[in-house]
N, C-alpha and C. Protein backbone atom coordinates (compact mmCIF):
# COMPACT_ATOMS: atom_id res chain seq x y z
N MET A 1 52.84 96.49 65.69
CA MET A 1 53.69 95.56 66.22
C MET A 1 53.05 94.97 67.52
N PRO A 2 53.18 93.80 67.89
CA PRO A 2 52.70 93.07 68.85
C PRO A 2 53.35 93.53 70.35
N LYS A 3 52.46 93.65 71.13
CA LYS A 3 53.12 94.47 72.61
C LYS A 3 53.72 93.19 73.26
N ASN A 4 53.34 92.08 73.24
CA ASN A 4 53.77 90.95 73.83
C ASN A 4 54.90 90.35 73.37
N GLU A 5 55.57 90.76 72.60
CA GLU A 5 56.71 90.16 71.83
C GLU A 5 57.90 89.98 72.54
N THR A 6 58.45 88.93 72.88
CA THR A 6 59.65 88.36 73.61
C THR A 6 60.72 87.95 72.65
N PHE A 7 61.92 88.08 72.93
CA PHE A 7 63.01 87.52 72.44
C PHE A 7 63.71 86.30 73.12
N LEU A 8 64.51 85.84 72.54
CA LEU A 8 65.23 84.24 72.92
C LEU A 8 66.22 84.77 73.65
N PHE A 9 66.78 85.79 73.30
CA PHE A 9 68.09 85.94 74.10
C PHE A 9 67.78 86.98 75.12
N ALA A 10 66.75 87.51 75.51
CA ALA A 10 66.12 88.21 76.54
C ALA A 10 65.67 87.40 77.48
N ASP A 11 65.25 86.28 77.04
CA ASP A 11 64.87 85.31 78.47
C ASP A 11 65.82 84.18 79.22
N SER A 12 66.85 83.99 78.36
CA SER A 12 68.08 83.50 78.89
C SER A 12 68.50 84.09 79.96
N ASP A 13 68.94 83.44 81.19
CA ASP A 13 69.58 84.06 82.26
C ASP A 13 71.10 83.95 81.92
N PRO A 14 71.97 84.88 82.23
CA PRO A 14 73.55 84.47 82.01
C PRO A 14 73.86 83.41 83.11
N LYS A 15 74.54 82.51 82.43
CA LYS A 15 75.10 81.29 83.26
C LYS A 15 76.49 81.88 84.00
N PRO A 16 76.61 81.69 85.61
CA PRO A 16 77.65 81.97 86.25
C PRO A 16 78.82 81.33 85.58
N SER A 17 80.03 82.09 85.25
CA SER A 17 81.15 81.45 84.67
C SER A 17 81.91 81.08 86.05
N LYS A 18 82.73 79.61 85.60
CA LYS A 18 83.44 79.13 86.89
C LYS A 18 84.83 79.82 86.78
N GLN A 19 85.35 80.68 87.61
CA GLN A 19 86.54 81.32 87.55
C GLN A 19 87.59 80.52 88.73
N PRO A 20 88.59 80.08 88.59
CA PRO A 20 89.61 79.72 89.67
C PRO A 20 89.54 80.40 90.70
N GLN A 21 89.56 80.13 91.88
CA GLN A 21 89.31 80.91 93.02
C GLN A 21 90.97 81.19 93.55
N LYS A 22 91.10 82.27 93.65
CA LYS A 22 92.58 82.78 94.13
C LYS A 22 92.79 81.97 95.63
N SER A 23 94.19 81.97 95.85
CA SER A 23 94.21 81.38 97.19
C SER A 23 94.72 82.48 98.12
N LEU A 24 94.15 82.17 99.45
CA LEU A 24 94.38 83.05 100.44
C LEU A 24 95.65 83.16 100.68
N PRO A 25 96.26 84.44 101.25
CA PRO A 25 97.65 84.61 101.43
C PRO A 25 97.85 83.61 102.61
N ALA A 26 97.13 83.34 103.62
CA ALA A 26 97.50 82.39 104.78
C ALA A 26 97.79 80.92 103.81
N GLN A 27 97.02 80.58 103.07
CA GLN A 27 97.09 79.34 102.60
C GLN A 27 98.35 79.04 101.81
N LYS A 28 98.51 80.37 100.99
CA LYS A 28 99.87 80.33 100.16
C LYS A 28 101.08 80.25 101.04
N LEU A 29 101.22 80.87 102.27
CA LEU A 29 102.02 80.85 103.38
C LEU A 29 102.30 79.41 103.66
N LEU A 30 101.11 78.48 104.14
CA LEU A 30 100.97 77.40 104.56
C LEU A 30 101.47 76.39 103.76
N ASP A 31 101.21 76.44 102.34
CA ASP A 31 101.87 75.99 101.36
C ASP A 31 103.40 75.87 100.91
N TRP A 32 104.10 77.22 101.34
CA TRP A 32 105.33 77.57 101.26
C TRP A 32 105.92 76.96 102.44
N LEU A 33 105.14 77.16 103.67
CA LEU A 33 105.76 76.56 105.05
C LEU A 33 106.17 74.98 104.78
N GLN A 34 105.50 74.29 104.12
CA GLN A 34 105.58 73.05 104.35
C GLN A 34 106.77 72.43 103.33
N ARG A 35 107.35 73.35 102.56
CA ARG A 35 108.61 73.36 102.03
C ARG A 35 109.82 73.82 102.30
N TRP A 36 109.42 74.60 103.47
CA TRP A 36 110.86 75.37 104.27
C TRP A 36 111.13 74.58 105.33
N HIS A 37 112.60 74.37 104.84
CA HIS A 37 113.44 73.11 105.77
C HIS A 37 113.78 73.60 107.27
N LYS A 38 113.81 74.76 107.76
CA LYS A 38 114.08 75.29 108.89
C LYS A 38 113.08 75.18 110.06
N PRO A 39 113.06 75.29 111.27
CA PRO A 39 112.02 74.93 112.19
C PRO A 39 111.35 76.02 112.46
N THR A 40 112.04 77.45 112.31
CA THR A 40 111.42 78.47 112.68
C THR A 40 111.59 79.52 111.37
N VAL A 41 110.57 80.42 111.34
CA VAL A 41 110.49 81.42 110.14
C VAL A 41 110.34 82.71 110.54
N CYS A 42 110.92 83.85 109.86
CA CYS A 42 110.72 85.28 110.64
C CYS A 42 110.08 86.07 109.73
N VAL A 43 109.95 87.53 109.67
CA VAL A 43 109.25 87.95 108.63
C VAL A 43 110.02 88.43 107.62
N GLY A 44 111.17 88.53 107.74
CA GLY A 44 112.39 88.66 106.50
C GLY A 44 112.50 87.45 105.84
N ASP A 45 112.45 85.88 106.52
CA ASP A 45 112.52 85.01 105.62
C ASP A 45 111.26 84.86 104.90
N ILE A 46 110.00 85.35 105.10
CA ILE A 46 109.09 85.15 104.16
C ILE A 46 108.99 86.18 103.27
N ARG A 47 109.57 87.24 103.36
CA ARG A 47 109.51 88.24 102.62
C ARG A 47 110.58 88.22 101.33
N ILE A 48 111.72 87.43 101.75
CA ILE A 48 112.89 87.31 100.83
C ILE A 48 112.27 85.91 100.18
N TYR A 49 112.18 84.92 100.97
CA TYR A 49 111.99 83.51 100.16
C TYR A 49 110.80 83.01 100.08
N GLY A 50 109.74 83.72 100.69
CA GLY A 50 108.44 83.06 100.28
C GLY A 50 107.30 83.36 99.25
N PRO A 51 106.17 83.40 99.12
CA PRO A 51 105.04 83.75 98.05
C PRO A 51 105.39 85.04 97.86
N LYS A 52 105.66 85.47 96.41
CA LYS A 52 105.72 87.14 95.74
C LYS A 52 104.61 87.88 96.34
N SER A 53 103.26 87.32 96.63
CA SER A 53 102.20 88.07 97.00
C SER A 53 102.16 88.33 98.54
N LEU A 54 103.25 87.85 99.47
CA LEU A 54 103.48 88.20 100.69
C LEU A 54 104.97 88.92 100.69
N ARG A 55 105.44 89.62 99.69
CA ARG A 55 106.81 90.32 99.98
C ARG A 55 106.41 91.72 101.03
N THR A 56 105.34 92.23 101.36
CA THR A 56 105.26 93.61 102.21
C THR A 56 105.10 92.80 103.64
N ARG A 57 105.95 93.67 104.38
CA ARG A 57 105.82 93.20 105.73
C ARG A 57 104.47 93.07 106.51
N GLU A 58 103.53 93.85 106.25
CA GLU A 58 101.97 93.51 106.62
C GLU A 58 101.46 92.53 105.93
N LYS A 59 101.60 92.17 104.82
CA LYS A 59 101.06 91.05 104.41
C LYS A 59 101.38 89.90 104.93
N ALA A 60 102.78 89.77 105.24
CA ALA A 60 103.37 88.61 105.75
C ALA A 60 102.96 88.53 107.33
N VAL A 61 102.90 89.55 108.06
CA VAL A 61 102.63 89.28 109.43
C VAL A 61 101.10 88.95 109.45
N ASN A 62 99.94 89.56 108.66
CA ASN A 62 98.78 89.30 108.65
C ASN A 62 98.60 87.88 108.21
N ALA A 63 99.25 87.28 107.20
CA ALA A 63 99.13 85.55 107.05
C ALA A 63 99.57 84.84 107.81
N ALA A 64 100.86 85.40 108.61
CA ALA A 64 101.39 84.41 109.78
C ALA A 64 100.45 84.60 110.96
N THR A 65 99.77 85.48 111.23
CA THR A 65 99.04 85.54 112.33
C THR A 65 97.40 84.77 112.18
N VAL A 66 97.21 84.51 110.74
CA VAL A 66 96.02 83.71 110.67
C VAL A 66 96.33 82.12 110.85
N LEU A 67 97.82 81.98 110.56
CA LEU A 67 98.35 80.47 110.61
C LEU A 67 98.46 80.33 112.26
N VAL A 68 98.89 81.44 113.07
CA VAL A 68 98.62 81.20 114.58
C VAL A 68 97.58 81.00 115.29
N ARG A 69 96.42 81.77 114.69
CA ARG A 69 95.20 81.15 114.96
C ARG A 69 94.54 79.93 115.01
N ASN A 70 95.41 79.04 113.79
CA ASN A 70 94.69 77.82 113.37
C ASN A 70 95.77 76.78 113.77
N GLY A 71 96.72 77.29 114.27
CA GLY A 71 97.70 76.25 115.14
C GLY A 71 98.58 75.62 114.14
N TRP A 72 99.28 76.38 113.03
CA TRP A 72 100.50 76.09 112.27
C TRP A 72 101.65 77.11 112.84
N LEU A 73 101.31 77.83 113.24
CA LEU A 73 102.84 78.66 113.60
C LEU A 73 102.41 78.93 115.39
N THR A 74 103.52 79.08 116.07
CA THR A 74 103.51 79.45 117.23
C THR A 74 104.77 80.65 117.53
N PRO A 75 104.15 81.60 117.98
CA PRO A 75 105.10 83.03 118.30
C PRO A 75 106.30 82.54 119.17
N ILE A 76 107.45 83.13 118.90
CA ILE A 76 108.33 83.14 119.56
C ILE A 76 108.64 84.65 120.12
N ARG A 77 108.84 84.79 121.55
CA ARG A 77 108.99 86.24 121.98
C ARG A 77 110.48 86.59 121.77
N LEU A 78 110.71 87.81 121.10
CA LEU A 78 112.01 88.36 120.87
C LEU A 78 112.17 89.71 122.00
N ARG A 79 113.42 90.00 121.88
CA ARG A 79 113.63 91.16 122.57
C ARG A 79 112.86 92.67 122.05
N ARG A 80 113.02 92.81 120.59
CA ARG A 80 112.48 93.65 120.06
C ARG A 80 111.06 93.50 120.00
N TYR A 81 110.25 94.51 120.20
CA TYR A 81 109.05 94.71 120.05
C TYR A 81 108.11 94.55 118.81
N ASP A 82 109.00 95.08 117.75
CA ASP A 82 108.52 94.93 116.34
C ASP A 82 109.15 93.87 115.54
N ALA A 83 109.95 92.77 116.10
CA ALA A 83 110.22 91.59 115.59
C ALA A 83 109.31 90.52 115.48
N HIS A 84 109.06 89.69 114.65
CA HIS A 84 108.21 88.64 114.51
C HIS A 84 109.11 87.32 114.23
N LYS A 85 108.73 86.54 115.10
CA LYS A 85 109.47 84.99 114.60
C LYS A 85 108.48 84.00 115.02
N TRP A 86 108.32 82.87 114.23
CA TRP A 86 107.52 81.82 114.50
C TRP A 86 108.37 80.50 114.41
N GLN A 87 107.37 79.52 115.47
CA GLN A 87 108.16 78.04 115.50
C GLN A 87 107.00 77.45 114.47
N ILE A 88 107.26 76.69 113.54
CA ILE A 88 106.33 75.80 112.40
C ILE A 88 106.06 74.55 113.20
N VAL A 89 104.79 74.50 113.47
CA VAL A 89 104.04 73.19 113.59
C VAL A 89 103.87 72.51 112.64
N ARG A 90 104.65 71.32 112.86
CA ARG A 90 104.44 70.34 111.41
C ARG A 90 103.74 69.27 111.80
N LYS A 91 102.73 69.04 110.89
CA LYS A 91 101.72 68.22 111.30
C LYS A 91 101.65 67.16 109.82
N LEU A 92 101.25 65.75 110.27
CA LEU A 92 101.50 64.94 109.24
C LEU A 92 99.78 64.93 108.39
N VAL A 93 99.73 66.00 107.35
CA VAL A 93 98.80 66.16 106.55
C VAL A 93 99.19 65.92 105.08
N VAL A 94 98.39 65.56 104.29
CA VAL A 94 98.70 65.25 102.99
C VAL A 94 98.29 66.68 102.18
N GLN A 95 97.49 67.35 102.41
CA GLN A 95 97.11 68.85 101.82
C GLN A 95 96.65 69.62 102.97
N PRO A 96 97.45 70.10 103.57
CA PRO A 96 97.22 71.13 104.71
C PRO A 96 96.25 71.97 104.13
N ASN A 97 95.26 72.56 104.98
CA ASN A 97 94.41 73.66 104.75
C ASN A 97 94.69 74.92 106.00
N VAL A 98 94.21 75.88 106.11
CA VAL A 98 94.40 76.85 106.85
C VAL A 98 93.34 76.79 108.21
N ALA A 99 92.07 76.27 107.31
CA ALA A 99 91.14 75.92 108.62
C ALA A 99 91.29 74.52 109.20
N ASN A 100 91.32 74.62 110.44
CA ASN A 100 91.84 73.53 111.31
C ASN A 100 90.16 72.67 111.73
N PRO A 101 90.38 71.30 111.21
CA PRO A 101 89.27 70.36 111.03
C PRO A 101 88.72 70.27 112.58
N ASN A 102 89.57 70.80 113.58
CA ASN A 102 88.90 70.24 114.81
C ASN A 102 88.13 71.37 115.65
N ASN A 103 88.06 72.69 114.85
CA ASN A 103 87.31 73.80 115.19
C ASN A 103 85.83 73.65 115.14
């Protein structure tokens, strides 16, 4: 048997498969907020009416925190320390993204 024998299937590198990217939780929340008809939103609203992937309190608060950092939500102070409510910042954008282009 020849020692330098190579096989065609061993030479080809596997091509990376294109899989659809999963939306970030903050992007899902932002897309949902564009359809939300009220000027404010709280954690309970997100957990009940929001995207199914944000039904836990921790995930809802984390996604909203990202939107606060990017200027899509403004926090509202409440009497309770563990309550969260935000004012929605409406911007005229065709397809809104979480990343702010001004940063």
